[in-house]
Amino acid sequence: MNGKSERAGIVPHVVMGVMAIYFLLPFWWLLVAATKDNDGLFLSAPLWFSDFHLVDNLKTVFSQENGIYLVWLRNSALYAVVSGVGATAVSALAGYAFAKLRFPGRTKLFALLLGLIMVPATALVLPTYLLMSKAGLVDSIWAVILPSLLNPFGVYLLRVYTHESVPDEMLEAARIDGAGELRVFTSVALPAMRPALVTVLLFSMVASWNNFFLPLVMLSDDHLFPLTVGLRTWYMSATLGNGGEALFNVIVTGALVAIVPLIAAFLLLQRYWRGGLTIGAVK
């Protein structure tokens, strides 16, 4: 009996180990590949180090095309921060309204919101492009930021958290003391929603940082590109030749640098987002 229970306990650990390797292997390859020169990238063992050229690769990344990588890095940071903060603010207001306010059509609107969660973001890019074109916002930062402010999943997450974690009695007590709805939201509900807010902020920023198809469609000025689209232009140039040297090692190193801010954000905010991930798990 003990042997069976021990084997049953080992299986989940084996599965978790395999999944961990599956997810970590691409990152390990990226880390190793970023240390190689262009020849070593294709001729040496793909999953182990050979000659160490990381410093030279980094210098080339930041000096290539007059330092345009830094422009792309700045653009990605701008899109991620503004879109993340804006999407979190909109999600907080909408989630609180769905959870604690009574208004006509609330149930139907929330059902529509749940349906929007199932719609792929790429399916909305073409209609969004047509709307932005009518508004004259194509090839501007707003063509990337404004569509990113709408986060149905963030609204759903904050609605669930607010419903479970913000007592109605506390809100009623604030109203009895003379606080208006805005004061109740900002002074009573918002502080209690902090773990969920950080979770939505982190997810929104990561989604905006990794966004590729929307800026690819909306932007044509390379000085407005985020890192995802900028690295793609380098890759296309290296693949097609265009009369220059194909520096795939520079592209790989640029991809490694691009994920460093995301890792830093997860490490800095993990105390909050780990708590937010358990939203609705325990009553």
Protein backbone atom coordinates (compact mmCIF):
# COMPACT_ATOMS: atom_id res chain seq x y z
CA MET A 1 0.00 0.00 0.00
CA ASN A 2 2.79 2.38 0.94
CA GLY A 3 4.59 1.51 -2.29
CA LYS A 4 1.55 2.42 -4.37
CA SER A 5 1.08 5.72 -2.55
CA GLU A 6 4.76 6.56 -3.01
CA ARG A 7 4.55 5.82 -6.75
CA ALA A 8 1.38 7.91 -6.97
CA GLY A 9 3.22 10.77 -5.28
CA ILE A 10 6.18 10.50 -7.65
CA VAL A 11 4.09 10.81 -10.82
CA PRO A 12 3.05 14.47 -10.27
CA HIS A 13 6.67 15.41 -9.57
CA VAL A 14 7.82 13.71 -12.77
CA VAL A 15 5.13 15.48 -14.79
CA MET A 16 6.05 18.82 -13.22
CA GLY A 17 9.73 18.19 -13.95
CA VAL A 18 9.02 17.40 -17.60
CA MET A 19 6.85 20.51 -17.95
CA ALA A 20 9.54 22.65 -16.29
CA ILE A 21 12.15 21.38 -18.77
CA TYR A 22 9.72 21.99 -21.64
CA PHE A 23 9.24 25.63 -20.66
CA LEU A 24 12.84 26.35 -19.61
CA LEU A 25 14.55 24.74 -22.61
CA PRO A 26 13.80 27.62 -25.07
CA PHE A 27 15.11 30.16 -22.52
CA TRP A 28 18.26 28.09 -22.00
CA TRP A 29 18.81 27.93 -25.78
CA LEU A 30 18.35 31.70 -26.03
CA LEU A 31 20.82 32.30 -23.20
CA VAL A 32 23.42 30.01 -24.76
CA ALA A 33 22.89 31.32 -28.30
CA ALA A 34 23.34 34.93 -27.18
CA THR A 35 26.94 34.13 -26.15
CA LYS A 36 27.96 32.93 -29.62
CA ASP A 37 29.12 34.75 -32.72
CA ASN A 38 27.30 34.31 -36.02
CA ASP A 39 29.35 31.26 -37.10
CA GLY A 40 29.16 29.60 -33.69
CA LEU A 41 25.40 29.97 -33.72
CA PHE A 42 25.16 27.50 -36.60
CA LEU A 43 28.29 25.34 -36.22
CA SER A 44 28.58 24.65 -32.49
CA ALA A 45 26.40 22.57 -30.14
CA PRO A 46 23.04 24.36 -29.87
CA LEU A 47 22.48 23.79 -26.13
CA TRP A 48 25.95 24.41 -24.75
CA PHE A 49 28.48 27.24 -24.67
CA SER A 50 31.43 27.54 -27.00
CA ASP A 51 33.31 30.84 -27.37
CA PHE A 52 31.93 33.67 -25.22
CA HIS A 53 30.90 36.65 -27.36
CA LEU A 54 28.03 38.06 -25.28
CA VAL A 55 29.71 41.41 -24.61
CA ASP A 56 30.53 41.91 -28.29
CA ASN A 57 26.99 40.94 -29.26
CA LEU A 58 25.54 43.43 -26.79
CA LYS A 59 27.73 46.22 -28.16
CA THR A 60 26.56 45.40 -31.69
CA VAL A 61 22.90 45.29 -30.63
CA PHE A 62 23.00 48.74 -29.07
CA SER A 63 25.06 50.29 -31.89
CA GLN A 64 23.29 48.69 -34.87
CA GLU A 65 21.62 51.25 -37.17
CA ASN A 66 22.65 54.17 -34.97
CA GLY A 67 21.25 52.61 -31.81
CA ILE A 68 17.71 52.06 -33.04
CA TYR A 69 17.36 49.11 -30.65
CA LEU A 70 17.24 51.60 -27.75
CA VAL A 71 14.43 53.44 -29.54
CA TRP A 72 12.48 50.18 -29.86
CA LEU A 73 13.18 49.40 -26.20
CA ARG A 74 11.88 52.82 -25.17
CA ASN A 75 8.78 52.37 -27.33
CA SER A 76 8.04 48.94 -25.82
CA ALA A 77 8.39 50.38 -22.32
CA LEU A 78 6.09 53.29 -23.19
CA TYR A 79 3.43 51.05 -24.73
CA ALA A 80 3.63 48.54 -21.87
CA VAL A 81 3.48 51.08 -19.02
CA VAL A 82 0.77 53.34 -20.47
CA SER A 83 -1.33 50.43 -21.74
CA GLY A 84 -0.85 48.45 -18.52
CA VAL A 85 -1.77 51.31 -16.20
CA GLY A 86 -4.67 52.38 -18.40
CA ALA A 87 -6.05 48.87 -18.79
CA THR A 88 -5.79 48.30 -15.03
CA ALA A 89 -7.65 51.54 -14.30
CA VAL A 90 -10.43 50.70 -16.76
CA SER A 91 -10.66 47.12 -15.46
CA ALA A 92 -10.80 48.32 -11.84
CA LEU A 93 -13.67 50.72 -12.53
CA ALA A 94 -15.61 48.21 -14.61
CA GLY A 95 -14.94 45.29 -12.26
CA TYR A 96 -16.08 47.28 -9.23
CA ALA A 97 -19.23 48.42 -11.05
CA PHE A 98 -20.15 44.86 -12.08
CA ALA A 99 -19.50 43.54 -8.56
CA LYS A 100 -21.01 46.19 -6.30
CA LEU A 101 -23.33 48.50 -8.25
CA ARG A 102 -26.82 47.76 -9.49
CA PHE A 103 -27.78 49.13 -12.90
CA PRO A 104 -30.04 48.05 -15.78
CA GLY A 105 -28.55 45.41 -18.09
CA ARG A 106 -25.73 44.50 -15.72
CA THR A 107 -26.17 40.74 -16.15
CA LYS A 108 -26.40 40.93 -19.95
CA LEU A 109 -23.36 43.21 -20.18
CA PHE A 110 -21.34 40.86 -17.99
CA ALA A 111 -22.39 37.90 -20.16
CA LEU A 112 -21.23 39.86 -23.21
CA LEU A 113 -17.93 40.50 -21.43
CA LEU A 114 -17.45 36.79 -20.83
CA GLY A 115 -18.06 36.21 -24.53
CA LEU A 116 -15.42 38.79 -25.44
CA ILE A 117 -12.84 36.85 -23.44
CA MET A 118 -13.22 34.02 -25.95
CA VAL A 119 -12.60 36.24 -29.00
CA PRO A 120 -8.95 36.07 -30.22
CA ALA A 121 -7.27 39.46 -30.16
CA THR A 122 -5.96 38.95 -33.70
CA ALA A 123 -9.55 38.71 -34.99
CA LEU A 124 -10.13 42.29 -33.86
CA VAL A 125 -7.02 43.81 -35.44
CA LEU A 126 -8.54 44.50 -38.87
CA PRO A 127 -11.71 46.19 -37.52
CA THR A 128 -9.52 48.15 -35.10
CA TYR A 129 -7.30 49.25 -37.98
CA LEU A 130 -10.32 50.53 -39.92
CA LEU A 131 -11.52 52.48 -36.88
CA MET A 132 -8.09 53.97 -36.27
CA SER A 133 -7.80 54.86 -39.95
CA LYS A 134 -11.12 56.74 -39.80
CA ALA A 135 -9.88 58.59 -36.72
CA GLY A 136 -6.54 59.43 -38.35
CA LEU A 137 -4.54 57.64 -35.67
CA VAL A 138 -2.78 55.02 -37.81
CA ASP A 139 1.02 55.16 -37.54
CA SER A 140 0.92 56.85 -34.14
CA ILE A 141 1.50 55.59 -30.61
CA TRP A 142 -2.25 55.86 -29.91
CA ALA A 143 -2.98 53.21 -32.54
CA VAL A 144 -1.17 50.74 -30.25
CA ILE A 145 -2.14 52.14 -26.84
CA LEU A 146 -5.88 52.78 -27.20
CA PRO A 147 -6.89 49.22 -28.26
CA SER A 148 -4.76 47.84 -25.43
CA LEU A 149 -6.79 49.70 -22.79
CA LEU A 150 -9.66 47.21 -23.14
CA ASN A 151 -8.93 44.02 -21.19
CA PRO A 152 -12.06 41.83 -20.75
CA PHE A 153 -10.16 39.24 -18.73
CA GLY A 154 -8.90 41.97 -16.38
CA VAL A 155 -12.46 43.20 -15.85
CA TYR A 156 -13.61 39.65 -15.09
CA LEU A 157 -10.71 39.05 -12.70
CA LEU A 158 -11.35 42.25 -10.76
CA ARG A 159 -15.10 41.66 -10.69
CA VAL A 160 -14.57 38.25 -9.08
CA TYR A 161 -12.01 39.57 -6.61
CA THR A 162 -14.11 42.59 -5.62
CA HIS A 163 -17.22 40.47 -5.16
CA GLU A 164 -15.38 38.07 -2.84
CA SER A 165 -12.99 40.39 -1.00
CA VAL A 166 -14.74 43.73 -0.54
CA PRO A 167 -17.59 43.41 2.04
CA ASP A 168 -20.82 45.23 1.23
CA GLU A 169 -21.04 46.26 4.90
CA MET A 170 -17.80 48.22 4.61
CA LEU A 171 -19.08 50.09 1.57
CA GLU A 172 -22.42 50.83 3.24
CA ALA A 173 -20.63 52.15 6.33
CA ALA A 174 -18.67 54.56 4.16
CA ARG A 175 -21.85 55.73 2.43
CA ILE A 176 -23.56 56.28 5.80
CA ASP A 177 -20.59 58.42 6.85
CA GLY A 178 -21.34 60.66 3.87
CA ALA A 179 -18.82 59.40 1.33
CA GLY A 180 -19.85 59.62 -2.33
CA GLU A 181 -19.46 56.72 -4.74
CA LEU A 182 -16.12 57.97 -6.03
CA ARG A 183 -14.78 58.34 -2.49
CA VAL A 184 -16.09 54.89 -1.58
CA PHE A 185 -14.31 53.41 -4.58
CA THR A 186 -10.97 55.21 -4.13
CA SER A 187 -10.71 55.10 -0.33
CA VAL A 188 -12.43 51.84 0.60
CA ALA A 189 -12.62 49.43 -2.35
CA LEU A 190 -9.41 50.27 -4.21
CA PRO A 191 -6.98 49.52 -1.33
CA ALA A 192 -8.68 46.14 -0.79
CA MET A 193 -8.30 45.35 -4.50
CA ARG A 194 -4.51 45.85 -4.51
CA PRO A 195 -3.40 42.22 -5.07
CA ALA A 196 -5.78 41.83 -8.00
CA LEU A 197 -4.78 45.23 -9.40
CA VAL A 198 -1.11 44.24 -9.44
CA THR A 199 -1.98 40.95 -11.12
CA VAL A 200 -4.00 42.68 -13.85
CA LEU A 201 -1.28 45.32 -14.24
CA LEU A 202 1.40 42.68 -14.68
CA PHE A 203 -0.61 40.62 -17.16
CA SER A 204 -1.57 43.75 -19.15
CA MET A 205 2.02 44.98 -19.31
CA VAL A 206 3.31 41.57 -20.41
CA ALA A 207 0.60 41.33 -23.09
CA SER A 208 1.45 44.81 -24.38
CA TRP A 209 5.21 44.14 -24.26
CA ASN A 210 4.76 40.93 -26.27
CA ASN A 211 2.20 42.43 -28.66
CA PHE A 212 3.28 41.83 -32.25
CA PHE A 213 0.40 41.72 -34.72
CA LEU A 214 -1.31 44.97 -33.66
CA PRO A 215 1.77 47.23 -33.99
CA LEU A 216 2.80 45.36 -37.14
CA VAL A 217 -0.50 46.35 -38.77
CA MET A 218 -0.79 49.83 -37.27
CA LEU A 219 2.76 51.18 -37.62
CA SER A 220 5.00 51.84 -40.62
CA ASP A 221 7.52 54.25 -39.05
CA ASP A 222 10.42 52.18 -37.72
CA HIS A 223 11.02 54.77 -34.99
CA LEU A 224 7.62 53.85 -33.52
CA PHE A 225 8.18 50.09 -33.61
CA PRO A 226 8.24 48.09 -30.37
CA LEU A 227 10.92 45.45 -29.88
CA THR A 228 8.76 42.64 -31.27
CA VAL A 229 8.28 44.34 -34.65
CA GLY A 230 11.78 45.84 -34.70
CA LEU A 231 13.48 42.48 -34.19
CA ARG A 232 11.27 41.06 -36.90
CA THR A 233 12.61 43.68 -39.37
CA TRP A 234 16.17 42.66 -38.47
CA TYR A 235 15.25 39.01 -38.95
CA MET A 236 13.69 39.68 -42.35
CA SER A 237 16.73 41.71 -43.37
CA ALA A 238 19.08 38.92 -42.25
CA THR A 239 17.01 36.27 -44.00
CA LEU A 240 16.67 38.12 -47.30
CA GLY A 241 20.24 39.43 -47.27
CA ASN A 242 19.60 42.97 -48.53
CA GLY A 243 23.26 43.32 -49.44
CA GLY A 244 24.51 43.20 -45.85
CA GLU A 245 25.88 40.62 -43.44
CA ALA A 246 23.29 38.34 -41.86
CA LEU A 247 23.86 38.89 -38.12
CA PHE A 248 21.55 36.34 -36.57
CA ASN A 249 23.56 36.45 -33.34
CA VAL A 250 22.58 40.11 -32.95
CA ILE A 251 18.90 39.22 -33.32
CA VAL A 252 19.16 36.44 -30.74
CA THR A 253 20.97 38.73 -28.29
CA GLY A 254 18.34 41.42 -28.86
CA ALA A 255 15.64 38.87 -28.04
CA LEU A 256 17.45 37.96 -24.81
CA VAL A 257 17.67 41.62 -23.75
CA ALA A 258 13.98 42.05 -24.59
CA ILE A 259 12.86 39.52 -21.97
CA VAL A 260 15.01 40.90 -19.14
CA PRO A 261 12.47 43.63 -18.17
CA LEU A 262 9.69 41.03 -18.02
CA ILE A 263 11.73 38.80 -15.71
CA ALA A 264 12.52 41.81 -13.50
CA ALA A 265 8.83 42.79 -13.36
CA PHE A 266 7.78 39.27 -12.33
CA LEU A 267 10.45 39.10 -9.62
CA LEU A 268 9.62 42.55 -8.22
CA LEU A 269 5.85 42.01 -8.20
CA GLN A 270 5.68 38.29 -7.39
CA ARG A 271 4.58 38.92 -3.81
CA TYR A 272 1.42 40.59 -5.14
CA TRP A 273 0.62 38.62 -8.27
CA ARG A 274 0.97 35.22 -6.58
CA GLY A 275 -1.75 36.33 -4.16
CA GLY A 276 -3.87 37.63 -7.01
CA LEU A 277 -3.70 34.31 -8.84
CA THR A 278 -5.70 32.69 -6.02
CA ILE A 279 -8.65 35.02 -6.61
CA GLY A 280 -11.88 33.18 -5.90
CA ALA A 281 -10.08 30.02 -4.81
CA VAL A 282 -10.98 30.34 -1.12
CA LYS A 283 -14.08 31.87 0.40
